[in-house]
Amino acid sequence: MISFELVSIIFAILFFHFISHHQVQADKNCSQLTNATCDDCIKDGCTYCDSTKTCMKFDLFADIVWDKCPGQEWKFKQCSGE
């Protein structure tokens, strides 16, 4: 019989494989949307930088520390300020 630990390890490996594959797809899709509208960008799960009009996958630490979006004008999940 398969042990609980083995099942947990297999599940964890499959989960992380799925997540990493999804992340690669998100990065690729977001960069292809550069020069798109804010609405087009966020509907695909990307983040829109209003000051540079670029669409990208948002990395909280790296993007804020390296000031990837001047003025920190990020739009995520909604384009309006309301």
PDB file of N, CA and C in Angstrom:
ATOM      1  N   MET A   1       0.839  -1.189   0.000  1.00  0.00           N
ATOM      2  CA  MET A   1       0.000   0.000   0.000  1.00  0.00           C
ATOM      3  C   MET A   1       0.881   1.248   0.000  1.00  0.00           C
ATOM      4  N   ILE A   2       0.433   2.267  -0.689  1.00  0.00           N
ATOM      5  CA  ILE A   2       1.191   3.513  -0.786  1.00  0.00           C
ATOM      6  C   ILE A   2       1.008   4.314   0.499  1.00  0.00           C
ATOM      7  N   SER A   3       2.121   4.805   1.018  1.00  0.00           N
ATOM      8  CA  SER A   3       2.061   5.556   2.269  1.00  0.00           C
ATOM      9  C   SER A   3       1.542   6.974   2.039  1.00  0.00           C
ATOM     10  N   PHE A   4       1.049   7.565   3.092  1.00  0.00           N
ATOM     11  CA  PHE A   4       0.535   8.932   3.041  1.00  0.00           C
ATOM     12  C   PHE A   4       1.643   9.906   2.649  1.00  0.00           C
ATOM     13  N   GLU A   5       2.858   9.689   3.161  1.00  0.00           N
ATOM     14  CA  GLU A   5       3.978  10.574   2.859  1.00  0.00           C
ATOM     15  C   GLU A   5       4.304  10.561   1.364  1.00  0.00           C
ATOM     16  N   LEU A   6       4.284   9.375   0.762  1.00  0.00           N
ATOM     17  CA  LEU A   6       4.580   9.262  -0.662  1.00  0.00           C
ATOM     18  C   LEU A   6       3.514   9.978  -1.496  1.00  0.00           C
ATOM     19  N   VAL A   7       2.267   9.800  -1.127  1.00  0.00           N
ATOM     20  CA  VAL A   7       1.178  10.478  -1.834  1.00  0.00           C
ATOM     21  C   VAL A   7       1.325  11.995  -1.688  1.00  0.00           C
ATOM     22  N   SER A   8       1.689  12.451  -0.504  1.00  0.00           N
ATOM     23  CA  SER A   8       1.876  13.888  -0.265  1.00  0.00           C
ATOM     24  C   SER A   8       3.010  14.448  -1.114  1.00  0.00           C
ATOM     25  N   ILE A   9       4.093  13.704  -1.210  1.00  0.00           N
ATOM     26  CA  ILE A   9       5.239  14.146  -2.009  1.00  0.00           C
ATOM     27  C   ILE A   9       4.866  14.212  -3.487  1.00  0.00           C
ATOM     28  N   ILE A  10       4.184  13.193  -3.973  1.00  0.00           N
ATOM     29  CA  ILE A  10       3.763  13.176  -5.375  1.00  0.00           C
ATOM     30  C   ILE A  10       2.822  14.345  -5.663  1.00  0.00           C
ATOM     31  N   PHE A  11       1.884  14.578  -4.762  1.00  0.00           N
ATOM     32  CA  PHE A  11       0.955  15.694  -4.931  1.00  0.00           C
ATOM     33  C   PHE A  11       1.706  17.026  -4.960  1.00  0.00           C
ATOM     34  N   ALA A  12       2.664  17.203  -4.053  1.00  0.00           N
ATOM     35  CA  ALA A  12       3.430  18.450  -3.993  1.00  0.00           C
ATOM     36  C   ALA A  12       4.221  18.672  -5.284  1.00  0.00           C
ATOM     37  N   ILE A  13       4.839  17.616  -5.800  1.00  0.00           N
ATOM     38  CA  ILE A  13       5.602  17.733  -7.042  1.00  0.00           C
ATOM     39  C   ILE A  13       4.694  18.138  -8.201  1.00  0.00           C
ATOM     40  N   LEU A  14       3.551  17.486  -8.310  1.00  0.00           N
ATOM     41  CA  LEU A  14       2.613  17.817  -9.384  1.00  0.00           C
ATOM     42  C   LEU A  14       2.081  19.239  -9.247  1.00  0.00           C
ATOM     43  N   PHE A  15       1.788  19.642  -8.018  1.00  0.00           N
ATOM     44  CA  PHE A  15       1.282  20.989  -7.765  1.00  0.00           C
ATOM     45  C   PHE A  15       2.304  22.044  -8.188  1.00  0.00           C
ATOM     46  N   PHE A  16       3.559  21.878  -7.758  1.00  0.00           N
ATOM     47  CA  PHE A  16       4.583  22.863  -8.098  1.00  0.00           C
ATOM     48  C   PHE A  16       4.910  22.861  -9.587  1.00  0.00           C
ATOM     49  N   HIS A  17       4.817  21.708 -10.212  1.00  0.00           N
ATOM     50  CA  HIS A  17       5.020  21.644 -11.661  1.00  0.00           C
ATOM     51  C   HIS A  17       3.927  22.450 -12.375  1.00  0.00           C
ATOM     52  N   PHE A  18       2.691  22.274 -11.952  1.00  0.00           N
ATOM     53  CA  PHE A  18       1.579  23.008 -12.555  1.00  0.00           C
ATOM     54  C   PHE A  18       1.742  24.509 -12.347  1.00  0.00           C
ATOM     55  N   ILE A  19       2.082  24.911 -11.133  1.00  0.00           N
ATOM     56  CA  ILE A  19       2.244  26.333 -10.814  1.00  0.00           C
ATOM     57  C   ILE A  19       3.377  26.944 -11.631  1.00  0.00           C
ATOM     58  N   SER A  20       4.512  26.269 -11.728  1.00  0.00           N
ATOM     59  CA  SER A  20       5.647  26.834 -12.466  1.00  0.00           C
ATOM     60  C   SER A  20       5.327  26.946 -13.950  1.00  0.00           C
ATOM     61  N   HIS A  21       4.623  25.976 -14.498  1.00  0.00           N
ATOM     62  CA  HIS A  21       4.246  26.043 -15.911  1.00  0.00           C
ATOM     63  C   HIS A  21       3.283  27.208 -16.141  1.00  0.00           C
ATOM     64  N   HIS A  22       2.343  27.386 -15.231  1.00  0.00           N
ATOM     65  CA  HIS A  22       1.392  28.493 -15.346  1.00  0.00           C
ATOM     66  C   HIS A  22       2.123  29.830 -15.268  1.00  0.00           C
ATOM     67  N   GLN A  23       3.125  29.927 -14.400  1.00  0.00           N
ATOM     68  CA  GLN A  23       3.879  31.167 -14.240  1.00  0.00           C
ATOM     69  C   GLN A  23       4.621  31.520 -15.526  1.00  0.00           C
ATOM     70  N   VAL A  24       5.233  30.542 -16.165  1.00  0.00           N
ATOM     71  CA  VAL A  24       5.946  30.790 -17.418  1.00  0.00           C
ATOM     72  C   VAL A  24       4.973  31.287 -18.479  1.00  0.00           C
ATOM     73  N   GLN A  25       3.802  30.667 -18.549  1.00  0.00           N
ATOM     74  CA  GLN A  25       2.798  31.099 -19.513  1.00  0.00           C
ATOM     75  C   GLN A  25       2.346  32.528 -19.216  1.00  0.00           C
ATOM     76  N   ALA A  26       2.157  32.862 -17.943  1.00  0.00           N
ATOM     77  CA  ALA A  26       1.719  34.211 -17.573  1.00  0.00           C
ATOM     78  C   ALA A  26       2.766  35.245 -17.978  1.00  0.00           C
ATOM     79  N   ASP A  27       4.058  34.954 -17.730  1.00  0.00           N
ATOM     80  CA  ASP A  27       5.114  35.885 -18.113  1.00  0.00           C
ATOM     81  C   ASP A  27       5.096  36.132 -19.614  1.00  0.00           C
ATOM     82  N   LYS A  28       4.971  35.062 -20.382  1.00  0.00           N
ATOM     83  CA  LYS A  28       4.975  35.169 -21.839  1.00  0.00           C
ATOM     84  C   LYS A  28       3.763  35.967 -22.321  1.00  0.00           C
ATOM     85  N   ASN A  29       2.593  35.659 -21.806  1.00  0.00           N
ATOM     86  CA  ASN A  29       1.377  36.345 -22.233  1.00  0.00           C
ATOM     87  C   ASN A  29       1.399  37.823 -21.871  1.00  0.00           C
ATOM     88  N   CYS A  30       1.879  38.156 -20.686  1.00  0.00           N
ATOM     89  CA  CYS A  30       1.895  39.554 -20.254  1.00  0.00           C
ATOM     90  C   CYS A  30       2.822  40.390 -21.126  1.00  0.00           C
ATOM     91  N   SER A  31       3.995  39.886 -21.432  1.00  0.00           N
ATOM     92  CA  SER A  31       4.933  40.665 -22.241  1.00  0.00           C
ATOM     93  C   SER A  31       4.420  40.853 -23.664  1.00  0.00           C
ATOM     94  N   GLN A  32       3.608  39.937 -24.156  1.00  0.00           N
ATOM     95  CA  GLN A  32       3.036  40.080 -25.490  1.00  0.00           C
ATOM     96  C   GLN A  32       1.955  41.157 -25.529  1.00  0.00           C
ATOM     97  N   LEU A  33       1.440  41.542 -24.375  1.00  0.00           N
ATOM     98  CA  LEU A  33       0.364  42.535 -24.315  1.00  0.00           C
ATOM     99  C   LEU A  33       0.868  43.965 -24.159  1.00  0.00           C
ATOM    100  N   THR A  34       2.179  44.178 -24.217  1.00  0.00           N
ATOM    101  CA  THR A  34       2.712  45.530 -24.107  1.00  0.00           C
ATOM    102  C   THR A  34       2.116  46.388 -25.218  1.00  0.00           C
ATOM    103  N   ASN A  35       1.773  47.604 -24.887  1.00  0.00           N
ATOM    104  CA  ASN A  35       1.065  48.563 -25.743  1.00  0.00           C
ATOM    105  C   ASN A  35      -0.421  48.247 -25.860  1.00  0.00           C
ATOM    106  N   ALA A  36      -0.908  47.289 -25.089  1.00  0.00           N
ATOM    107  CA  ALA A  36      -2.342  47.001 -25.035  1.00  0.00           C
ATOM    108  C   ALA A  36      -2.986  47.979 -24.053  1.00  0.00           C
ATOM    109  N   THR A  37      -4.294  47.998 -24.024  1.00  0.00           N
ATOM    110  CA  THR A  37      -4.985  48.854 -23.058  1.00  0.00           C
ATOM    111  C   THR A  37      -4.911  48.214 -21.674  1.00  0.00           C
ATOM    112  N   CYS A  38      -5.204  48.997 -20.662  1.00  0.00           N
ATOM    113  CA  CYS A  38      -5.220  48.482 -19.295  1.00  0.00           C
ATOM    114  C   CYS A  38      -6.210  47.327 -19.174  1.00  0.00           C
ATOM    115  N   ASP A  39      -7.401  47.492 -19.738  1.00  0.00           N
ATOM    116  CA  ASP A  39      -8.422  46.442 -19.655  1.00  0.00           C
ATOM    117  C   ASP A  39      -7.956  45.137 -20.293  1.00  0.00           C
ATOM    118  N   ASP A  40      -7.308  45.223 -21.456  1.00  0.00           N
ATOM    119  CA  ASP A  40      -6.794  44.020 -22.119  1.00  0.00           C
ATOM    120  C   ASP A  40      -5.738  43.341 -21.260  1.00  0.00           C
ATOM    121  N   CYS A  41      -4.917  44.139 -20.627  1.00  0.00           N
ATOM    122  CA  CYS A  41      -3.832  43.612 -19.802  1.00  0.00           C
ATOM    123  C   CYS A  41      -4.362  42.882 -18.568  1.00  0.00           C
ATOM    124  N   ILE A  42      -5.218  43.533 -17.802  1.00  0.00           N
ATOM    125  CA  ILE A  42      -5.641  42.930 -16.536  1.00  0.00           C
ATOM    126  C   ILE A  42      -6.618  41.780 -16.710  1.00  0.00           C
ATOM    127  N   LYS A  43      -7.345  41.736 -17.822  1.00  0.00           N
ATOM    128  CA  LYS A  43      -8.289  40.628 -17.998  1.00  0.00           C
ATOM    129  C   LYS A  43      -7.553  39.302 -18.183  1.00  0.00           C
ATOM    130  N   ASP A  44      -6.271  39.359 -18.568  1.00  0.00           N
ATOM    131  CA  ASP A  44      -5.467  38.151 -18.702  1.00  0.00           C
ATOM    132  C   ASP A  44      -4.655  37.861 -17.443  1.00  0.00           C
ATOM    133  N   GLY A  45      -4.934  38.580 -16.350  1.00  0.00           N
ATOM    134  CA  GLY A  45      -4.259  38.325 -15.082  1.00  0.00           C
ATOM    135  C   GLY A  45      -2.912  39.013 -14.948  1.00  0.00           C
ATOM    136  N   CYS A  46      -2.642  39.952 -15.821  1.00  0.00           N
ATOM    137  CA  CYS A  46      -1.379  40.678 -15.768  1.00  0.00           C
ATOM    138  C   CYS A  46      -1.572  41.978 -14.985  1.00  0.00           C
ATOM    139  N   THR A  47      -0.486  42.709 -14.809  1.00  0.00           N
ATOM    140  CA  THR A  47      -0.510  43.991 -14.129  1.00  0.00           C
ATOM    141  C   THR A  47      -0.142  45.072 -15.134  1.00  0.00           C
ATOM    142  N   TYR A  48      -0.800  46.217 -15.044  1.00  0.00           N
ATOM    143  CA  TYR A  48      -0.594  47.316 -15.983  1.00  0.00           C
ATOM    144  C   TYR A  48       0.083  48.470 -15.263  1.00  0.00           C
ATOM    145  N   CYS A  49       1.154  48.992 -15.860  1.00  0.00           N
ATOM    146  CA  CYS A  49       1.820  50.181 -15.325  1.00  0.00           C
ATOM    147  C   CYS A  49       1.292  51.377 -16.098  1.00  0.00           C
ATOM    148  N   ASP A  50       0.539  52.220 -15.422  1.00  0.00           N
ATOM    149  CA  ASP A  50      -0.119  53.347 -16.079  1.00  0.00           C
ATOM    150  C   ASP A  50       0.877  54.384 -16.587  1.00  0.00           C
ATOM    151  N   SER A  51       1.958  54.608 -15.853  1.00  0.00           N
ATOM    152  CA  SER A  51       2.898  55.662 -16.258  1.00  0.00           C
ATOM    153  C   SER A  51       3.699  55.304 -17.508  1.00  0.00           C
ATOM    154  N   THR A  52       3.971  54.015 -17.732  1.00  0.00           N
ATOM    155  CA  THR A  52       4.730  53.600 -18.922  1.00  0.00           C
ATOM    156  C   THR A  52       3.860  52.908 -19.962  1.00  0.00           C
ATOM    157  N   LYS A  53       2.591  52.666 -19.612  1.00  0.00           N
ATOM    158  CA  LYS A  53       1.636  51.986 -20.511  1.00  0.00           C
ATOM    159  C   LYS A  53       2.133  50.597 -20.919  1.00  0.00           C
ATOM    160  N   THR A  54       2.706  49.870 -19.950  1.00  0.00           N
ATOM    161  CA  THR A  54       3.196  48.521 -20.228  1.00  0.00           C
ATOM    162  C   THR A  54       2.440  47.491 -19.404  1.00  0.00           C
ATOM    163  N   CYS A  55       2.402  46.301 -19.939  1.00  0.00           N
ATOM    164  CA  CYS A  55       1.727  45.174 -19.315  1.00  0.00           C
ATOM    165  C   CYS A  55       2.791  44.165 -18.898  1.00  0.00           C
ATOM    166  N   MET A  56       2.721  43.667 -17.675  1.00  0.00           N
ATOM    167  CA  MET A  56       3.739  42.739 -17.188  1.00  0.00           C
ATOM    168  C   MET A  56       3.201  41.895 -16.049  1.00  0.00           C
ATOM    169  N   LYS A  57       3.924  40.858 -15.742  1.00  0.00           N
ATOM    170  CA  LYS A  57       3.641  40.076 -14.550  1.00  0.00           C
ATOM    171  C   LYS A  57       4.270  40.844 -13.397  1.00  0.00           C
ATOM    172  N   PHE A  58       3.532  41.031 -12.332  1.00  0.00           N
ATOM    173  CA  PHE A  58       3.999  41.840 -11.206  1.00  0.00           C
ATOM    174  C   PHE A  58       4.732  40.988 -10.184  1.00  0.00           C
ATOM    175  N   ASP A  59       5.931  41.409  -9.821  1.00  0.00           N
ATOM    176  CA  ASP A  59       6.717  40.789  -8.753  1.00  0.00           C
ATOM    177  C   ASP A  59       6.846  41.847  -7.662  1.00  0.00           C
ATOM    178  N   LEU A  60       6.112  41.687  -6.587  1.00  0.00           N
ATOM    179  CA  LEU A  60       6.007  42.711  -5.546  1.00  0.00           C
ATOM    180  C   LEU A  60       7.359  43.260  -5.119  1.00  0.00           C
ATOM    181  N   PHE A  61       8.280  42.402  -4.762  1.00  0.00           N
ATOM    182  CA  PHE A  61       9.568  42.876  -4.252  1.00  0.00           C
ATOM    183  C   PHE A  61      10.412  43.519  -5.348  1.00  0.00           C
ATOM    184  N   ALA A  62      10.681  42.788  -6.405  1.00  0.00           N
ATOM    185  CA  ALA A  62      11.597  43.275  -7.444  1.00  0.00           C
ATOM    186  C   ALA A  62      11.068  44.517  -8.145  1.00  0.00           C
ATOM    187  N   ASP A  63       9.806  44.534  -8.473  1.00  0.00           N
ATOM    188  CA  ASP A  63       9.271  45.648  -9.245  1.00  0.00           C
ATOM    189  C   ASP A  63       9.180  46.942  -8.442  1.00  0.00           C
ATOM    190  N   ILE A  64       8.900  46.843  -7.157  1.00  0.00           N
ATOM    191  CA  ILE A  64       8.839  48.049  -6.327  1.00  0.00           C
ATOM    192  C   ILE A  64      10.244  48.534  -5.988  1.00  0.00           C
ATOM    193  N   VAL A  65      11.120  47.615  -5.598  1.00  0.00           N
ATOM    194  CA  VAL A  65      12.484  47.996  -5.230  1.00  0.00           C
ATOM    195  C   VAL A  65      13.223  48.606  -6.424  1.00  0.00           C
ATOM    196  N   TRP A  66      13.068  48.014  -7.583  1.00  0.00           N
ATOM    197  CA  TRP A  66      13.778  48.499  -8.772  1.00  0.00           C
ATOM    198  C   TRP A  66      12.964  49.545  -9.534  1.00  0.00           C
ATOM    199  N   ASP A  67      11.877  50.005  -8.968  1.00  0.00           N
ATOM    200  CA  ASP A  67      11.055  51.075  -9.546  1.00  0.00           C
ATOM    201  C   ASP A  67      10.716  50.804 -11.015  1.00  0.00           C
ATOM    202  N   LYS A  68      10.180  49.625 -11.260  1.00  0.00           N
ATOM    203  CA  LYS A  68       9.843  49.216 -12.622  1.00  0.00           C
ATOM    204  C   LYS A  68       8.677  50.028 -13.192  1.00  0.00           C
ATOM    205  N   CYS A  69       7.874  50.602 -12.315  1.00  0.00           N
ATOM    206  CA  CYS A  69       6.761  51.442 -12.751  1.00  0.00           C
ATOM    207  C   CYS A  69       6.890  52.801 -12.054  1.00  0.00           C
ATOM    208  N   PRO A  70       7.423  53.802 -12.753  1.00  0.00           N
ATOM    209  CA  PRO A  70       7.614  55.120 -12.133  1.00  0.00           C
ATOM    210  C   PRO A  70       6.326  55.654 -11.510  1.00  0.00           C
ATOM    211  N   GLY A  71       6.454  56.143 -10.299  1.00  0.00           N
ATOM    212  CA  GLY A  71       5.297  56.656  -9.582  1.00  0.00           C
ATOM    213  C   GLY A  71       4.441  55.562  -8.952  1.00  0.00           C
ATOM    214  N   GLN A  72       4.860  54.304  -9.112  1.00  0.00           N
ATOM    215  CA  GLN A  72       4.129  53.147  -8.566  1.00  0.00           C
ATOM    216  C   GLN A  72       2.660  53.167  -8.984  1.00  0.00           C
ATOM    217  N   GLU A  73       2.412  53.479 -10.238  1.00  0.00           N
ATOM    218  CA  GLU A  73       1.042  53.556 -10.761  1.00  0.00           C
ATOM    219  C   GLU A  73       0.591  52.206 -11.321  1.00  0.00           C
ATOM    220  N   TRP A  74       0.562  51.192 -10.463  1.00  0.00           N
ATOM    221  CA  TRP A  74       0.181  49.834 -10.857  1.00  0.00           C
ATOM    222  C   TRP A  74      -1.332  49.683 -10.906  1.00  0.00           C
ATOM    223  N   LYS A  75      -1.806  48.927 -11.859  1.00  0.00           N
ATOM    224  CA  LYS A  75      -3.224  48.565 -11.948  1.00  0.00           C
ATOM    225  C   LYS A  75      -3.290  47.043 -11.965  1.00  0.00           C
ATOM    226  N   PHE A  76      -4.033  46.478 -11.023  1.00  0.00           N
ATOM    227  CA  PHE A  76      -4.167  45.027 -10.947  1.00  0.00           C
ATOM    228  C   PHE A  76      -5.624  44.683 -10.672  1.00  0.00           C
ATOM    229  N   LYS A  77      -6.224  43.917 -11.538  1.00  0.00           N
ATOM    230  CA  LYS A  77      -7.609  43.449 -11.455  1.00  0.00           C
ATOM    231  C   LYS A  77      -8.653  44.532 -11.690  1.00  0.00           C
ATOM    232  N   GLN A  78      -8.253  45.795 -11.720  1.00  0.00           N
ATOM    233  CA  GLN A  78      -9.209  46.866 -12.030  1.00  0.00           C
ATOM    234  C   GLN A  78      -8.430  48.080 -12.506  1.00  0.00           C
ATOM    235  N   CYS A  79      -8.907  48.693 -13.551  1.00  0.00           N
ATOM    236  CA  CYS A  79      -8.184  49.823 -14.150  1.00  0.00           C
ATOM    237  C   CYS A  79      -8.558  51.170 -13.549  1.00  0.00           C
ATOM    238  N   SER A  80      -9.779  51.317 -13.105  1.00  0.00           N
ATOM    239  CA  SER A  80     -10.196  52.605 -12.549  1.00  0.00           C
ATOM    240  C   SER A  80      -9.741  52.720 -11.106  1.00  0.00           C
ATOM    241  N   GLY A  81      -9.693  53.936 -10.613  1.00  0.00           N
ATOM    242  CA  GLY A  81      -9.311  54.172  -9.230  1.00  0.00           C
ATOM    243  C   GLY A  81     -10.454  53.968  -8.256  1.00  0.00           C
ATOM    244  N   GLU A  82     -11.627  53.619  -8.747  1.00  0.00           N
ATOM    245  CA  GLU A  82     -12.811  53.493  -7.889  1.00  0.00           C
ATOM    246  C   GLU A  82     -12.940  52.106  -7.348  1.00  0.00           C
TER     247      GLU A  82
END
